[in-house]
């Protein structure tokens, strides 16, 4: 004789406590274009050229500790480097151009955004620092947008077939 919850009770319990799935408001391409457009004036205001083979450091400002730091870093770093390339600050964001990343610091409080610094290997101080005064999407938001567009599933299928 079974004494546990039945299937109907179990699914009702899950439905009662599970967080509802939220669809992202836009697809990946729209999300990327929106944030690159928002980053364009911030990057232009720095009017700096990055040193040869810069290493980047980031200070992320979040209001709460709700978002995972690794996801915040992944999504934000992608958009920031893309904006730097589009503005001509760095010629590319591959390993031949970017020396690496020096680390991340997270500060929790009233401010949202990120301070980005470009360093040369020899320097004791950054060549320049750029302040982004708004919240960037994290990796989960970017993945959800890519799934909505169908980009992620198509690329996954291609990778499994060896087409990429």
N, C-alpha and C. Protein backbone atom coordinates (compact mmCIF):
# COMPACT_ATOMS: atom_id res chain seq x y z
N UNK A 1 0.83 -1.18 0.00
CA UNK A 1 0.00 0.00 0.00
C UNK A 1 0.88 1.25 0.00
N UNK A 2 0.57 2.18 -0.86
CA UNK A 2 1.34 3.41 -1.03
C UNK A 2 0.81 4.49 -0.08
N UNK A 3 1.75 5.14 0.62
CA UNK A 3 1.32 6.16 1.57
C UNK A 3 1.69 7.58 1.15
N UNK A 4 2.46 7.73 0.05
CA UNK A 4 2.91 9.06 -0.40
C UNK A 4 1.81 9.81 -1.13
N UNK A 5 2.13 10.97 -1.58
CA UNK A 5 1.17 11.78 -2.35
C UNK A 5 0.89 11.12 -3.70
N UNK A 6 -0.30 11.27 -4.17
CA UNK A 6 -0.65 10.78 -5.50
C UNK A 6 -0.15 11.74 -6.57
N UNK A 7 -0.20 11.32 -7.82
CA UNK A 7 0.28 12.15 -8.92
C UNK A 7 -0.46 13.49 -8.99
N UNK A 8 -1.80 13.45 -8.79
CA UNK A 8 -2.57 14.69 -8.85
C UNK A 8 -2.17 15.63 -7.72
N UNK A 9 -1.99 15.10 -6.52
CA UNK A 9 -1.58 15.94 -5.39
C UNK A 9 -0.19 16.51 -5.61
N UNK A 10 0.71 15.67 -6.13
CA UNK A 10 2.09 16.10 -6.36
C UNK A 10 2.14 17.23 -7.40
N UNK A 11 1.41 17.09 -8.51
CA UNK A 11 1.45 18.13 -9.53
C UNK A 11 0.76 19.41 -9.04
N UNK A 12 -0.28 19.28 -8.21
CA UNK A 12 -0.92 20.46 -7.64
C UNK A 12 0.04 21.18 -6.71
N UNK A 13 0.80 20.42 -5.93
CA UNK A 13 1.78 21.01 -5.01
C UNK A 13 2.87 21.74 -5.80
N UNK A 14 3.38 21.11 -6.86
CA UNK A 14 4.40 21.75 -7.69
C UNK A 14 3.88 23.04 -8.32
N UNK A 15 2.65 22.99 -8.83
CA UNK A 15 2.07 24.15 -9.47
C UNK A 15 1.86 25.31 -8.49
N UNK A 16 1.59 24.96 -7.23
CA UNK A 16 1.34 25.98 -6.23
C UNK A 16 2.62 26.72 -5.85
N UNK A 17 3.77 26.01 -5.81
CA UNK A 17 5.01 26.61 -5.32
C UNK A 17 6.04 26.90 -6.39
N UNK A 18 5.86 26.37 -7.58
CA UNK A 18 6.84 26.61 -8.65
C UNK A 18 6.69 28.03 -9.17
N UNK A 19 7.82 28.65 -9.49
CA UNK A 19 7.79 29.99 -10.06
C UNK A 19 7.25 29.92 -11.48
N UNK A 20 6.38 30.82 -11.85
CA UNK A 20 5.86 30.81 -13.22
C UNK A 20 6.96 31.17 -14.21
N UNK A 21 6.96 30.49 -15.34
CA UNK A 21 7.96 30.77 -16.38
C UNK A 21 7.61 32.10 -17.04
N UNK A 22 8.61 32.99 -17.13
CA UNK A 22 8.38 34.28 -17.76
C UNK A 22 9.04 34.29 -19.13
N UNK A 23 8.32 34.72 -20.11
CA UNK A 23 8.90 34.86 -21.45
C UNK A 23 9.65 36.19 -21.51
N UNK A 24 10.82 36.21 -22.11
CA UNK A 24 11.53 37.48 -22.22
C UNK A 24 10.75 38.45 -23.10
N UNK A 25 10.89 39.74 -22.84
CA UNK A 25 10.11 40.71 -23.61
C UNK A 25 10.56 40.84 -25.06
N UNK A 26 11.76 40.36 -25.37
CA UNK A 26 12.27 40.50 -26.74
C UNK A 26 13.23 39.36 -27.05
N UNK A 27 13.53 39.18 -28.32
CA UNK A 27 14.47 38.15 -28.73
C UNK A 27 15.90 38.60 -28.55
N UNK A 28 16.84 37.69 -28.82
CA UNK A 28 18.26 37.95 -28.58
C UNK A 28 18.78 39.12 -29.43
N UNK A 29 18.46 39.12 -30.71
CA UNK A 29 18.95 40.20 -31.57
C UNK A 29 18.44 41.56 -31.12
N UNK A 30 17.16 41.61 -30.73
CA UNK A 30 16.60 42.88 -30.23
C UNK A 30 17.27 43.29 -28.93
N UNK A 31 17.48 42.33 -28.03
CA UNK A 31 18.13 42.60 -26.75
C UNK A 31 19.54 43.13 -26.96
N UNK A 32 20.29 42.47 -27.83
CA UNK A 32 21.67 42.86 -28.12
C UNK A 32 21.72 44.26 -28.74
N UNK A 33 20.85 44.52 -29.72
CA UNK A 33 20.83 45.84 -30.37
C UNK A 33 20.46 46.94 -29.38
N UNK A 34 19.51 46.67 -28.51
CA UNK A 34 19.08 47.65 -27.52
C UNK A 34 20.25 48.04 -26.61
N UNK A 35 20.95 47.05 -26.08
CA UNK A 35 22.03 47.35 -25.14
C UNK A 35 23.26 47.90 -25.85
N UNK A 36 23.53 47.47 -27.06
CA UNK A 36 24.65 48.07 -27.80
C UNK A 36 24.36 49.54 -28.10
N UNK A 37 23.10 49.86 -28.40
CA UNK A 37 22.73 51.26 -28.63
C UNK A 37 22.87 52.08 -27.34
N UNK A 38 22.52 51.47 -26.21
CA UNK A 38 22.67 52.17 -24.93
C UNK A 38 24.13 52.34 -24.55
N UNK A 39 24.98 51.38 -24.94
CA UNK A 39 26.41 51.44 -24.61
C UNK A 39 27.17 52.40 -25.52
N UNK A 40 26.67 52.64 -26.74
CA UNK A 40 27.40 53.46 -27.72
C UNK A 40 27.80 54.83 -27.16
N UNK A 41 26.90 55.63 -26.57
CA UNK A 41 27.34 56.93 -26.05
C UNK A 41 28.29 56.83 -24.87
N UNK A 42 28.17 55.78 -24.08
CA UNK A 42 29.07 55.60 -22.93
C UNK A 42 30.48 55.33 -23.45
N UNK A 43 30.59 54.45 -24.45
CA UNK A 43 31.90 54.13 -25.03
C UNK A 43 32.47 55.36 -25.73
N UNK A 44 31.64 56.08 -26.46
CA UNK A 44 32.11 57.27 -27.19
C UNK A 44 32.62 58.35 -26.22
N UNK A 45 32.03 58.42 -25.04
CA UNK A 45 32.43 59.44 -24.07
C UNK A 45 33.83 59.18 -23.51
N UNK A 46 34.30 57.93 -23.56
CA UNK A 46 35.64 57.64 -23.04
C UNK A 46 36.71 58.20 -23.96
N UNK A 47 36.44 58.21 -25.28
CA UNK A 47 37.38 58.72 -26.30
C UNK A 47 38.80 58.21 -26.06
N UNK A 48 38.89 56.96 -25.72
CA UNK A 48 40.19 56.36 -25.44
C UNK A 48 40.45 55.22 -26.42
N UNK A 49 41.70 54.98 -26.70
CA UNK A 49 42.10 53.79 -27.43
C UNK A 49 42.65 52.81 -26.42
N UNK A 50 42.27 51.58 -26.56
CA UNK A 50 42.77 50.57 -25.63
C UNK A 50 44.23 50.29 -25.93
N UNK A 51 45.01 49.95 -24.91
CA UNK A 51 46.39 49.57 -25.15
C UNK A 51 46.46 48.29 -25.97
N UNK A 52 47.62 48.00 -26.54
CA UNK A 52 47.78 46.74 -27.26
C UNK A 52 47.60 45.59 -26.29
N UNK A 53 46.83 44.62 -26.70
CA UNK A 53 46.51 43.44 -25.90
C UNK A 53 46.12 43.80 -24.46
N UNK A 54 45.00 44.52 -24.31
CA UNK A 54 44.58 44.92 -22.97
C UNK A 54 44.03 43.75 -22.16
N UNK A 55 44.13 43.88 -20.87
CA UNK A 55 43.42 42.99 -19.95
C UNK A 55 42.35 43.86 -19.31
N UNK A 56 41.17 43.31 -19.12
CA UNK A 56 40.06 44.09 -18.60
C UNK A 56 39.71 43.66 -17.17
N UNK A 57 39.34 44.64 -16.37
CA UNK A 57 38.79 44.35 -15.04
C UNK A 57 37.44 45.03 -14.94
N UNK A 58 36.57 44.46 -14.12
CA UNK A 58 35.21 44.94 -14.00
C UNK A 58 34.83 45.09 -12.53
N UNK A 59 34.15 46.19 -12.21
CA UNK A 59 33.51 46.35 -10.90
C UNK A 59 32.02 46.42 -11.19
N UNK A 60 31.29 45.39 -10.80
CA UNK A 60 29.86 45.29 -11.07
C UNK A 60 29.09 45.85 -9.89
N UNK A 61 28.13 46.72 -10.16
CA UNK A 61 27.29 47.31 -9.13
C UNK A 61 25.88 46.76 -9.29
N UNK A 62 25.40 46.11 -8.25
CA UNK A 62 24.07 45.51 -8.25
C UNK A 62 23.31 46.01 -7.03
N UNK A 63 22.00 46.18 -7.17
CA UNK A 63 21.19 46.62 -6.02
C UNK A 63 21.00 45.52 -5.00
N UNK A 64 20.84 44.28 -5.49
CA UNK A 64 20.63 43.15 -4.58
C UNK A 64 21.56 42.01 -4.98
N UNK A 65 21.58 40.98 -4.18
CA UNK A 65 22.38 39.79 -4.49
C UNK A 65 21.52 38.73 -5.18
N UNK A 66 20.46 39.16 -5.83
CA UNK A 66 19.52 38.24 -6.47
C UNK A 66 20.12 37.51 -7.67
N UNK A 67 20.90 38.20 -8.50
CA UNK A 67 21.44 37.58 -9.72
C UNK A 67 22.79 36.92 -9.42
N UNK A 68 23.03 35.77 -10.06
CA UNK A 68 24.29 35.05 -9.88
C UNK A 68 25.44 35.85 -10.49
N UNK A 69 26.53 36.04 -9.73
CA UNK A 69 27.66 36.82 -10.24
C UNK A 69 28.24 36.29 -11.55
N UNK A 70 28.33 34.96 -11.70
CA UNK A 70 28.90 34.43 -12.94
C UNK A 70 28.01 34.72 -14.15
N UNK A 71 26.71 34.75 -13.96
CA UNK A 71 25.80 35.07 -15.06
C UNK A 71 25.81 36.56 -15.39
N UNK A 72 25.92 37.39 -14.36
CA UNK A 72 26.01 38.84 -14.59
C UNK A 72 27.26 39.14 -15.40
N UNK A 73 28.38 38.54 -15.00
CA UNK A 73 29.66 38.78 -15.67
C UNK A 73 29.62 38.30 -17.13
N UNK A 74 29.09 37.12 -17.35
CA UNK A 74 29.09 36.55 -18.71
C UNK A 74 28.26 37.40 -19.67
N UNK A 75 27.04 37.75 -19.28
CA UNK A 75 26.19 38.54 -20.17
C UNK A 75 26.72 39.95 -20.38
N UNK A 76 27.15 40.59 -19.31
CA UNK A 76 27.64 41.96 -19.40
C UNK A 76 28.94 42.08 -20.16
N UNK A 77 29.87 41.16 -19.91
CA UNK A 77 31.17 41.19 -20.58
C UNK A 77 30.99 41.07 -22.09
N UNK A 78 30.12 40.18 -22.53
CA UNK A 78 29.86 39.99 -23.96
C UNK A 78 29.41 41.29 -24.61
N UNK A 79 28.43 41.96 -24.00
CA UNK A 79 27.90 43.19 -24.58
C UNK A 79 28.92 44.33 -24.54
N UNK A 80 29.67 44.43 -23.46
CA UNK A 80 30.66 45.51 -23.34
C UNK A 80 31.76 45.35 -24.38
N UNK A 81 32.29 44.15 -24.53
CA UNK A 81 33.35 43.94 -25.52
C UNK A 81 32.83 44.16 -26.94
N UNK A 82 31.60 43.72 -27.22
CA UNK A 82 31.01 43.98 -28.55
C UNK A 82 30.89 45.48 -28.80
N UNK A 83 30.50 46.25 -27.79
CA UNK A 83 30.37 47.70 -27.96
C UNK A 83 31.74 48.35 -28.17
N UNK A 84 32.77 47.86 -27.48
CA UNK A 84 34.12 48.40 -27.67
C UNK A 84 34.63 48.12 -29.08
N UNK A 85 34.31 46.96 -29.62
CA UNK A 85 34.70 46.62 -30.99
C UNK A 85 33.95 47.50 -31.98
N UNK A 86 32.64 47.65 -31.80
CA UNK A 86 31.84 48.47 -32.72
C UNK A 86 32.28 49.92 -32.73
N UNK A 87 32.77 50.43 -31.60
CA UNK A 87 33.22 51.82 -31.51
C UNK A 87 34.66 51.99 -31.98
N UNK A 88 35.34 50.89 -32.28
CA UNK A 88 36.71 50.98 -32.74
C UNK A 88 37.73 51.16 -31.63
N UNK A 89 37.32 50.96 -30.38
CA UNK A 89 38.25 51.09 -29.26
C UNK A 89 39.24 49.93 -29.27
N UNK A 90 38.74 48.74 -29.58
CA UNK A 90 39.61 47.56 -29.77
C UNK A 90 39.26 46.96 -31.13
N UNK A 91 40.26 46.38 -31.82
CA UNK A 91 39.99 45.86 -33.16
C UNK A 91 39.18 44.56 -33.17
N UNK A 92 39.11 43.87 -32.07
CA UNK A 92 38.37 42.62 -31.99
C UNK A 92 38.30 42.19 -30.53
N UNK A 93 37.56 41.11 -30.27
CA UNK A 93 37.48 40.64 -28.89
C UNK A 93 37.96 39.20 -28.74
N UNK A 94 38.76 38.75 -29.69
CA UNK A 94 39.32 37.41 -29.63
C UNK A 94 40.60 37.36 -28.81
N UNK A 95 41.14 36.16 -28.68
CA UNK A 95 42.35 35.94 -27.87
C UNK A 95 43.57 36.64 -28.44
N UNK A 96 43.58 36.92 -29.75
CA UNK A 96 44.72 37.62 -30.35
C UNK A 96 44.75 39.10 -29.96
N UNK A 97 43.61 39.64 -29.53
CA UNK A 97 43.53 41.06 -29.20
C UNK A 97 43.44 41.29 -27.69
N UNK A 98 42.60 40.53 -27.01
CA UNK A 98 42.38 40.70 -25.57
C UNK A 98 43.29 39.74 -24.81
N UNK A 99 44.10 40.32 -23.91
CA UNK A 99 45.03 39.50 -23.12
C UNK A 99 44.32 38.66 -22.08
N UNK A 100 43.20 39.14 -21.58
CA UNK A 100 42.45 38.38 -20.59
C UNK A 100 41.65 39.28 -19.67
N UNK A 101 41.27 38.70 -18.55
CA UNK A 101 40.45 39.41 -17.57
C UNK A 101 41.13 39.29 -16.22
N UNK A 102 41.22 40.42 -15.53
CA UNK A 102 41.99 40.48 -14.29
C UNK A 102 41.16 40.16 -13.06
N UNK A 103 39.89 40.07 -13.19
CA UNK A 103 39.06 39.77 -12.04
C UNK A 103 37.85 40.67 -11.97
N UNK A 104 36.94 40.27 -11.13
CA UNK A 104 35.69 40.99 -10.97
C UNK A 104 35.47 41.30 -9.50
N UNK A 105 34.88 42.43 -9.27
CA UNK A 105 34.47 42.81 -7.92
C UNK A 105 32.99 43.13 -8.00
N UNK A 106 32.23 42.69 -7.00
CA UNK A 106 30.81 42.98 -6.94
C UNK A 106 30.54 43.87 -5.74
N UNK A 107 29.81 44.95 -5.98
CA UNK A 107 29.44 45.89 -4.93
C UNK A 107 27.92 45.95 -4.91
N UNK A 108 27.33 45.72 -3.73
CA UNK A 108 25.88 45.71 -3.61
C UNK A 108 25.42 46.96 -2.86
N UNK A 109 24.46 47.68 -3.44
CA UNK A 109 23.97 48.90 -2.84
C UNK A 109 22.96 49.58 -3.74
N UNK A 110 22.96 50.90 -3.76
CA UNK A 110 21.97 51.66 -4.52
C UNK A 110 22.29 51.77 -6.00
N UNK A 111 23.55 51.74 -6.38
CA UNK A 111 23.94 51.97 -7.77
C UNK A 111 23.83 50.68 -8.59
N UNK A 112 23.49 50.83 -9.87
CA UNK A 112 23.53 49.71 -10.81
C UNK A 112 24.45 50.09 -11.96
N UNK A 113 25.16 49.12 -12.49
CA UNK A 113 26.04 49.36 -13.63
C UNK A 113 27.35 48.63 -13.47
N UNK A 114 28.36 49.10 -14.20
CA UNK A 114 29.67 48.45 -14.16
C UNK A 114 30.74 49.48 -14.52
N UNK A 115 31.87 49.39 -13.86
CA UNK A 115 33.04 50.17 -14.22
C UNK A 115 34.01 49.22 -14.91
N UNK A 116 34.44 49.56 -16.12
CA UNK A 116 35.33 48.74 -16.92
C UNK A 116 36.68 49.44 -17.01
N UNK A 117 37.75 48.71 -16.75
CA UNK A 117 39.10 49.29 -16.86
C UNK A 117 39.93 48.45 -17.81
N UNK A 118 40.73 49.11 -18.64
CA UNK A 118 41.65 48.44 -19.56
C UNK A 118 43.06 48.61 -19.02
N UNK A 119 43.77 47.52 -18.89
CA UNK A 119 45.12 47.50 -18.31
C UNK A 119 46.12 46.98 -19.34
N UNK A 120 47.35 47.45 -19.23
CA UNK A 120 48.44 46.85 -19.98
C UNK A 120 49.19 45.95 -19.01
N UNK A 121 49.87 44.93 -19.51
CA UNK A 121 50.57 44.02 -18.61
C UNK A 121 51.62 44.71 -17.72
N UNK A 122 52.24 45.78 -18.22
CA UNK A 122 53.31 46.44 -17.46
C UNK A 122 52.79 47.46 -16.46
N UNK A 123 51.59 47.96 -16.64
CA UNK A 123 51.12 49.11 -15.87
C UNK A 123 50.63 48.73 -14.48
N UNK A 124 50.81 49.67 -13.56
CA UNK A 124 50.28 49.51 -12.21
C UNK A 124 48.93 50.20 -12.07
N UNK A 125 48.50 50.89 -13.10
CA UNK A 125 47.22 51.59 -13.10
C UNK A 125 46.55 51.35 -14.46
N UNK A 126 45.22 51.42 -14.50
CA UNK A 126 44.54 51.20 -15.78
C UNK A 126 44.85 52.30 -16.78
N UNK A 127 44.88 51.93 -18.07
CA UNK A 127 45.06 52.92 -19.14
C UNK A 127 43.84 53.83 -19.20
N UNK A 128 42.65 53.28 -18.97
CA UNK A 128 41.42 54.05 -18.90
C UNK A 128 40.35 53.27 -18.17
N UNK A 129 39.36 53.99 -17.67
CA UNK A 129 38.20 53.39 -17.00
C UNK A 129 36.94 54.01 -17.59
N UNK A 130 35.95 53.16 -17.79
CA UNK A 130 34.67 53.59 -18.37
C UNK A 130 33.56 53.17 -17.41
N UNK A 131 32.66 54.09 -17.07
CA UNK A 131 31.54 53.80 -16.18
C UNK A 131 30.26 53.61 -16.99
N UNK A 132 29.65 52.44 -16.86
CA UNK A 132 28.36 52.15 -17.51
C UNK A 132 27.29 52.34 -16.43
N UNK A 133 26.42 53.34 -16.57
CA UNK A 133 25.51 53.69 -15.48
C UNK A 133 24.17 52.96 -15.47
N UNK A 134 24.09 51.77 -16.06
CA UNK A 134 22.83 51.05 -16.06
C UNK A 134 23.08 49.55 -15.98
N UNK A 135 22.05 48.82 -15.58
CA UNK A 135 22.10 47.37 -15.42
C UNK A 135 22.18 46.70 -16.78
N UNK A 136 23.05 45.71 -16.92
CA UNK A 136 23.16 44.93 -18.15
C UNK A 136 22.47 43.58 -17.94
N UNK A 137 21.98 42.97 -19.01
CA UNK A 137 21.33 41.67 -18.84
C UNK A 137 22.35 40.60 -18.45
N UNK A 138 21.90 39.64 -17.67
CA UNK A 138 22.79 38.55 -17.31
C UNK A 138 22.67 37.42 -18.34
N UNK A 139 23.48 36.39 -18.16
CA UNK A 139 23.52 35.28 -19.11
C UNK A 139 22.17 34.60 -19.25
N UNK A 140 21.45 34.41 -18.15
CA UNK A 140 20.15 33.75 -18.22
C UNK A 140 19.17 34.54 -19.09
N UNK A 141 19.18 35.86 -18.98
CA UNK A 141 18.29 36.68 -19.80
C UNK A 141 18.68 36.58 -21.27
N UNK A 142 19.97 36.51 -21.56
CA UNK A 142 20.42 36.40 -22.95
C UNK A 142 20.08 35.03 -23.54
N UNK A 143 20.21 33.98 -22.73
CA UNK A 143 19.87 32.63 -23.20
C UNK A 143 18.37 32.53 -23.45
N UNK A 144 17.56 33.09 -22.55
CA UNK A 144 16.11 33.06 -22.74
C UNK A 144 15.71 33.79 -24.02
N UNK A 145 16.35 34.91 -24.28
CA UNK A 145 16.06 35.66 -25.51
C UNK A 145 16.49 34.87 -26.74
N UNK A 146 17.63 34.20 -26.67
CA UNK A 146 18.10 33.39 -27.80
C UNK A 146 17.16 32.21 -28.04
N UNK A 147 16.66 31.62 -26.98
CA UNK A 147 15.71 30.51 -27.14
C UNK A 147 14.41 31.01 -27.77
N UNK A 148 13.97 32.18 -27.38
CA UNK A 148 12.74 32.73 -27.95
C UNK A 148 12.90 32.93 -29.45
N UNK A 149 14.07 33.37 -29.88
CA UNK A 149 14.33 33.57 -31.31
C UNK A 149 14.59 32.26 -32.04
N UNK A 150 14.83 31.18 -31.30
CA UNK A 150 15.16 29.92 -31.93
C UNK A 150 16.63 29.81 -32.29
N UNK A 151 17.45 30.79 -31.91
CA UNK A 151 18.88 30.78 -32.24
C UNK A 151 19.60 29.67 -31.51
N UNK A 152 19.33 29.55 -30.23
CA UNK A 152 20.06 28.59 -29.41
C UNK A 152 19.80 27.16 -29.86
N UNK A 153 18.55 26.84 -30.14
CA UNK A 153 18.26 25.46 -30.54
C UNK A 153 18.87 25.12 -31.89
N UNK A 154 18.88 26.05 -32.84
CA UNK A 154 19.46 25.79 -34.16
C UNK A 154 20.97 25.60 -34.06
N UNK A 155 21.63 26.45 -33.29
CA UNK A 155 23.08 26.31 -33.10
C UNK A 155 23.42 25.02 -32.39
N UNK A 156 22.59 24.63 -31.43
CA UNK A 156 22.81 23.37 -30.72
C UNK A 156 22.70 22.19 -31.68
N UNK A 157 21.69 22.21 -32.54
CA UNK A 157 21.53 21.14 -33.53
C UNK A 157 22.73 21.07 -34.47
N UNK A 158 23.18 22.23 -34.94
CA UNK A 158 24.35 22.28 -35.85
C UNK A 158 25.59 21.73 -35.16
N UNK A 159 25.80 22.09 -33.92
CA UNK A 159 26.99 21.62 -33.19
C UNK A 159 26.94 20.12 -33.02
N UNK A 160 25.77 19.58 -32.74
CA UNK A 160 25.65 18.12 -32.58
C UNK A 160 25.93 17.38 -33.89
N UNK A 161 25.57 18.02 -35.00
CA UNK A 161 25.80 17.41 -36.31
C UNK A 161 27.21 17.69 -36.83
N UNK A 162 27.99 18.52 -36.13
CA UNK A 162 29.33 18.84 -36.56
C UNK A 162 29.40 19.87 -37.66
N UNK A 163 28.36 20.69 -37.79
CA UNK A 163 28.32 21.69 -38.86
C UNK A 163 28.97 23.00 -38.46
N UNK A 164 29.28 23.17 -37.20
CA UNK A 164 29.87 24.45 -36.76
C UNK A 164 31.34 24.39 -36.69
